[in-house]
Each structure stands twice: as C-alpha cells, then as structure tokens.
Amino acid sequence: MKTGKLSLVLAVMCLVAASISGCLKIASVSPQALFTASLAEQVVPFTASFDGTLSYAAKAIVSYLWNFGDGGAADGPVVDHNYVQDGAYQVTLTVIDESGLSASTTMELQALNPPPTAGFTYTPKSNMEGVYFVSCSETITFDAEDLCTDDGSIISYDWYFGYRTPDGEPASASGPQVTHEFLYSGTYTVILTVTDDDGGTTQYSEQLVVEGGPPCNADVTGDVPWNYGGTCT
C-alpha cells in the first residue's frame, strides 16, 4: 500500500509541475498589419497617403516598411507617395515588433491613364452677325492635329459629321486632318473621337451651320439681299 501511495504522490507532483511549466510558457503572437489609403483609384499624376497606425501587436511595433509597387519604398507609420505612371500597383506594408516578429498586408492601387485632350478647327467658314457658318457643297477642312494632346501618343482620330448617307451609313472619316462636303443646309453636330496608345478616349464636338445661299443657276445682278437660310438646289 505504501508503494501505491508513493506512486500516486509522484504522479500528482508531475502533473502539478507540468501545469506550472505550461502556465509560465507564453506563446509568441505575431503582429497584425493593417493600413488605409487616401486614394485607391485616381488619374496620374497624384499623391496617395498611407496610414499604418491601425496595425497592432502584443509588443510594441518598431518598424513600418512600405513597398509601393512601382519601385518606391518608405518607412514610418504614415507616409505619402507620388504615382506618375498609370498601372495597377500592389502596395505592401510590413510591420515588425520588438521581438522581431513580422506581418505583411497588401492593397491594390489603380493609377489610371489620363485621357487625351481633343479639339479641332475647320475652314473655310464665314461669320454673319456672330454666327459662323459654312456653305453647302464646299470642301471643308477639319484639322485636329494641333489641338489633340496626350502623355503618350494618339493612335486614331475618328470623325462623324452628324448625319447618315443615303445607304444608311454614318458620314465619317479617319485621320488628324480630313475634308468633307455637306450637300444640304442645316445644323450638324460634328464629333471627333481620339484614342491614345493606352486605350484612353475623348470626344469633342461642335455644331456646324451649313447654309445654301442662292441657287447655283440664279442670274443675279445689282444689290440683292442674300437669304443665307436658303438651301442648295
């Protein structure tokens, strides 16, 4: 019986020792990396602010390391970064606590391609009482070469002259400089669409007043008032 009691006492002592040992051993807890961005999507160039102060750890965080996805990097709980090229960037924050434990988190930021600018001029045109107009059956030159700009290069100029041809097709043309003849008087909305090498597009439009003037076979002499609201015949 004494031997049995001794064994029981030893077993209890072992359990107590194991329990005490387990209580004294504290498991290491990794930090948690969290951050916010002032902008997640914007047309370049722009500056984004990043705040990593939401990150937390059992022990003090001693390092905040940033990778902005475009080759740039910084350190500190709150940082700014300037993006100048369009693209999708993976922004990563890595935090390290005083025990040397680390954690990382990543956010995607979209730097958008700036669209091209668009515009055009047209000649010849006349001015009557502040209203510009062109004559029907006259060859009009539309020029967008000097008014369209982009951070890269413009790869297409597509024109629509505001009406459909007798076969149902849109009256259109392509190129930085084009010519067109309007056969009937009226008001037409001419639309230019430019596209750059990054896929960005911009539209620019102007209204053109087309006037017919006197009939082509009219025998006009002397001072005759011109009704510029007429039509071509």
Protein backbone atom coordinates (compact mmCIF):
# COMPACT_ATOMS: atom_id res chain seq x y z
CA MET A 1 0.00 0.00 0.00
CA LYS A 2 2.84 2.38 0.74
CA THR A 3 4.27 1.78 -2.71
CA GLY A 4 0.91 2.62 -4.29
CA LYS A 5 0.54 5.81 -2.30
CA LEU A 6 4.07 6.87 -3.23
CA SER A 7 3.35 6.34 -6.91
CA LEU A 8 0.18 8.38 -6.65
CA VAL A 9 2.00 11.23 -4.91
CA LEU A 10 4.72 11.24 -7.56
CA ALA A 11 2.13 11.30 -10.34
CA VAL A 12 0.33 14.25 -8.78
CA MET A 13 3.61 16.11 -8.36
CA CYS A 14 4.43 15.54 -12.04
CA LEU A 15 1.04 16.89 -13.10
CA VAL A 16 1.46 19.98 -10.92
CA ALA A 17 4.94 20.58 -12.29
CA ALA A 18 3.74 20.21 -15.86
CA SER A 19 0.85 22.56 -15.19
CA ILE A 20 3.11 25.20 -13.66
CA SER A 21 5.55 24.87 -16.55
CA GLY A 22 2.75 25.36 -19.07
CA CYS A 23 1.48 28.46 -17.32
CA LEU A 24 4.91 30.04 -17.30
CA LYS A 25 5.45 29.42 -21.03
CA ILE A 26 3.80 32.22 -23.09
CA ALA A 27 3.29 31.57 -26.81
CA SER A 28 4.62 34.20 -29.24
CA VAL A 29 1.88 36.17 -31.04
CA SER A 30 2.63 37.72 -34.44
CA PRO A 31 1.62 41.34 -35.06
CA GLN A 32 -1.22 42.27 -37.41
CA ALA A 33 -0.50 44.63 -40.32
CA LEU A 34 -3.34 46.97 -41.33
CA PHE A 35 -3.40 50.21 -43.31
CA THR A 36 -5.64 52.63 -45.17
CA ALA A 37 -5.02 54.63 -48.34
CA SER A 38 -6.38 58.10 -49.12
CA LEU A 39 -6.83 57.08 -52.76
CA ALA A 40 -7.37 53.63 -54.23
CA GLU A 41 -8.04 54.84 -57.79
CA GLN A 42 -7.00 58.09 -59.44
CA VAL A 43 -5.75 59.54 -62.72
CA VAL A 44 -1.98 60.09 -62.73
CA PRO A 45 -0.11 62.04 -61.60
CA PHE A 46 -1.33 62.02 -58.00
CA THR A 47 -0.08 61.66 -54.42
CA ALA A 48 -1.56 59.00 -52.13
CA SER A 49 -1.27 58.94 -48.33
CA PHE A 50 -0.94 55.64 -46.46
CA ASP A 51 -1.67 55.17 -42.74
CA GLY A 52 -0.46 52.04 -40.94
CA THR A 53 -1.32 53.09 -37.39
CA LEU A 54 -4.19 50.59 -37.29
CA SER A 55 -1.61 47.80 -37.10
CA TYR A 56 -1.24 46.19 -33.67
CA ALA A 57 0.97 43.70 -31.80
CA ALA A 58 1.40 42.13 -28.34
CA LYS A 59 4.65 44.02 -28.09
CA ALA A 60 5.47 47.43 -29.49
CA ILE A 61 5.81 47.78 -33.26
CA VAL A 62 9.26 49.14 -34.01
CA SER A 63 9.23 49.23 -37.82
CA TYR A 64 6.76 50.05 -40.60
CA LEU A 65 8.16 49.16 -44.03
CA TRP A 66 6.33 50.18 -47.23
CA ASN A 67 6.66 48.91 -50.78
CA PHE A 68 4.63 50.99 -53.24
CA GLY A 69 4.74 48.53 -56.14
CA ASP A 70 6.46 50.90 -58.57
CA GLY A 71 9.97 50.54 -57.19
CA GLY A 72 9.43 53.10 -54.45
CA ALA A 73 9.71 52.38 -50.72
CA ALA A 74 9.46 54.20 -47.39
CA ASP A 75 9.32 53.61 -43.65
CA GLY A 76 7.16 55.06 -40.92
CA PRO A 77 3.59 54.66 -39.69
CA VAL A 78 2.20 57.35 -42.05
CA VAL A 79 3.75 58.04 -45.47
CA ASP A 80 2.98 59.69 -48.83
CA HIS A 81 3.89 58.50 -52.32
CA ASN A 82 3.61 60.09 -55.75
CA TYR A 83 2.46 57.99 -58.73
CA VAL A 84 3.29 59.28 -62.21
CA GLN A 85 2.75 56.24 -64.46
CA ASP A 86 -0.59 54.53 -65.00
CA GLY A 87 -0.96 50.89 -63.98
CA ALA A 88 -2.10 48.57 -61.19
CA TYR A 89 0.26 48.65 -58.19
CA GLN A 90 0.46 46.28 -55.22
CA VAL A 91 1.15 48.36 -52.10
CA THR A 92 2.56 46.29 -49.22
CA LEU A 93 3.04 47.20 -45.55
CA THR A 94 5.29 45.04 -43.35
CA VAL A 95 5.33 45.66 -39.60
CA ILE A 96 7.96 44.30 -37.19
CA ASP A 97 7.59 44.24 -33.40
CA GLU A 98 10.31 44.46 -30.76
CA SER A 99 10.50 40.65 -30.60
CA GLY A 100 11.44 40.53 -34.28
CA LEU A 101 8.12 39.05 -35.34
CA SER A 102 6.64 40.46 -38.56
CA ALA A 103 3.44 40.52 -40.60
CA SER A 104 2.51 41.95 -44.01
CA THR A 105 -0.62 43.04 -45.85
CA THR A 106 -1.19 44.21 -49.44
CA MET A 107 -3.64 46.52 -51.19
CA GLU A 108 -4.04 47.11 -54.94
CA LEU A 109 -3.98 50.70 -56.12
CA GLN A 110 -5.15 51.72 -59.61
CA ALA A 111 -3.24 54.58 -61.25
CA LEU A 112 -5.40 55.48 -64.24
CA ASN A 113 -4.31 56.63 -67.67
CA PRO A 114 -5.12 60.32 -68.26
CA PRO A 115 -7.38 60.63 -71.29
CA PRO A 116 -6.15 62.63 -74.28
CA THR A 117 -7.41 66.13 -74.95
CA ALA A 118 -9.35 66.73 -78.14
CA GLY A 119 -10.35 69.65 -80.33
CA PHE A 120 -10.44 70.74 -83.94
CA THR A 121 -10.71 73.71 -86.26
CA TYR A 122 -12.41 73.94 -89.63
CA THR A 123 -12.01 76.18 -92.68
CA PRO A 124 -13.29 77.97 -94.62
CA LYS A 125 -16.11 79.50 -92.61
CA SER A 126 -17.97 82.79 -92.64
CA ASN A 127 -19.26 84.99 -89.86
CA MET A 128 -22.63 86.68 -90.09
CA GLU A 129 -23.88 88.58 -87.06
CA GLY A 130 -21.74 86.47 -84.74
CA VAL A 131 -22.86 83.15 -86.22
CA TYR A 132 -20.26 81.05 -88.03
CA PHE A 133 -21.44 79.01 -90.98
CA VAL A 134 -20.10 77.10 -93.97
CA SER A 135 -21.53 76.75 -97.45
CA CYS A 136 -23.04 73.54 -98.70
CA SER A 137 -21.16 71.69 -101.45
CA GLU A 138 -17.99 73.47 -100.33
CA THR A 139 -14.97 71.40 -99.32
CA ILE A 140 -14.39 71.93 -95.59
CA THR A 141 -11.07 71.03 -94.00
CA PHE A 142 -11.20 69.72 -90.42
CA ASP A 143 -7.88 69.83 -88.58
CA ALA A 144 -7.25 68.22 -85.16
CA GLU A 145 -3.50 67.84 -85.40
CA ASP A 146 -2.51 70.78 -83.19
CA LEU A 147 -5.35 70.64 -80.64
CA CYS A 148 -5.14 66.99 -79.56
CA THR A 149 -2.50 66.07 -76.99
CA ASP A 150 -1.65 63.08 -74.79
CA ASP A 151 1.01 61.87 -72.34
CA GLY A 152 1.79 59.10 -74.83
CA SER A 153 0.65 59.15 -78.43
CA ILE A 154 -2.72 59.38 -80.17
CA ILE A 155 -3.26 56.40 -82.45
CA SER A 156 -6.64 57.19 -84.02
CA TYR A 157 -8.81 60.16 -85.00
CA ASP A 158 -12.40 59.18 -85.87
CA TRP A 159 -14.84 61.74 -87.28
CA TYR A 160 -18.63 61.67 -87.51
CA PHE A 161 -20.29 64.50 -89.45
CA GLY A 162 -23.73 64.36 -87.89
CA TYR A 163 -25.81 62.54 -90.48
CA ARG A 164 -26.19 59.28 -92.39
CA THR A 165 -25.62 58.76 -96.08
CA PRO A 166 -28.45 57.56 -98.38
CA ASP A 167 -27.30 53.95 -97.89
CA GLY A 168 -27.69 54.29 -94.12
CA GLU A 169 -24.01 54.50 -93.25
CA PRO A 170 -22.72 57.25 -90.93
CA ALA A 171 -20.90 60.05 -92.71
CA SER A 172 -17.44 59.56 -91.25
CA ALA A 173 -13.70 59.80 -91.84
CA SER A 174 -10.42 58.97 -90.08
CA GLY A 175 -7.19 60.87 -89.62
CA PRO A 176 -5.86 64.02 -87.93
CA GLN A 177 -6.85 66.17 -90.93
CA VAL A 178 -9.83 65.37 -93.16
CA THR A 179 -12.10 67.09 -95.69
CA HIS A 180 -15.85 66.87 -96.10
CA GLU A 181 -18.67 68.38 -98.16
CA PHE A 182 -22.15 68.95 -96.76
CA LEU A 183 -24.71 68.68 -99.56
CA TYR A 184 -27.71 70.07 -97.68
CA SER A 185 -28.19 73.07 -95.45
CA GLY A 186 -28.89 72.55 -91.78
CA THR A 187 -27.19 72.28 -88.41
CA TYR A 188 -24.83 69.35 -87.95
CA THR A 189 -23.01 68.11 -84.86
CA VAL A 190 -19.52 67.07 -85.87
CA ILE A 191 -17.95 64.64 -83.38
CA LEU A 192 -14.26 63.80 -83.14
CA THR A 193 -13.16 60.78 -81.08
CA VAL A 194 -9.46 60.40 -80.33
CA THR A 195 -7.85 57.28 -78.83
CA ASP A 196 -4.37 57.02 -77.31
CA ASP A 197 -1.92 54.13 -77.10
CA ASP A 198 -3.15 53.26 -73.58
CA GLY A 199 -6.75 52.88 -74.70
CA GLY A 200 -7.93 56.24 -73.35
CA THR A 201 -10.57 58.02 -75.43
CA THR A 202 -12.00 61.53 -75.54
CA GLN A 203 -14.77 63.04 -77.65
CA TYR A 204 -15.02 66.63 -78.80
CA SER A 205 -17.97 68.06 -80.74
CA GLU A 206 -19.02 71.29 -82.41
CA GLN A 207 -22.18 72.34 -84.17
CA LEU A 208 -21.80 73.49 -87.77
CA VAL A 209 -24.38 75.64 -89.52
CA VAL A 210 -24.46 74.83 -93.23
CA GLU A 211 -26.11 77.40 -95.48
CA GLY A 212 -27.03 77.03 -99.14
CA GLY A 213 -27.03 80.59 -100.45
CA PRO A 214 -28.73 81.49 -103.72
CA PRO A 215 -29.48 78.79 -106.29
CA CYS A 216 -26.47 77.85 -108.36
CA ASN A 217 -28.16 78.80 -111.68
CA ALA A 218 -29.53 82.14 -110.48
CA ASP A 219 -28.80 85.15 -112.67
CA VAL A 220 -28.29 87.78 -110.01
CA THR A 221 -27.27 91.36 -110.76
CA GLY A 222 -27.30 94.50 -108.68
CA ASP A 223 -27.82 94.78 -104.94
CA VAL A 224 -29.90 91.75 -104.00
CA PRO A 225 -30.19 90.71 -100.33
CA TRP A 226 -28.89 87.22 -99.69
CA ASN A 227 -31.11 84.94 -97.64
CA TYR A 228 -28.41 82.76 -96.08
CA GLY A 229 -31.10 80.46 -94.68
CA GLY A 230 -31.83 79.02 -98.10
CA THR A 231 -30.98 75.57 -99.40
CA CYS A 232 -28.79 74.23 -102.17
CA THR A 233 -30.51 73.39 -105.43
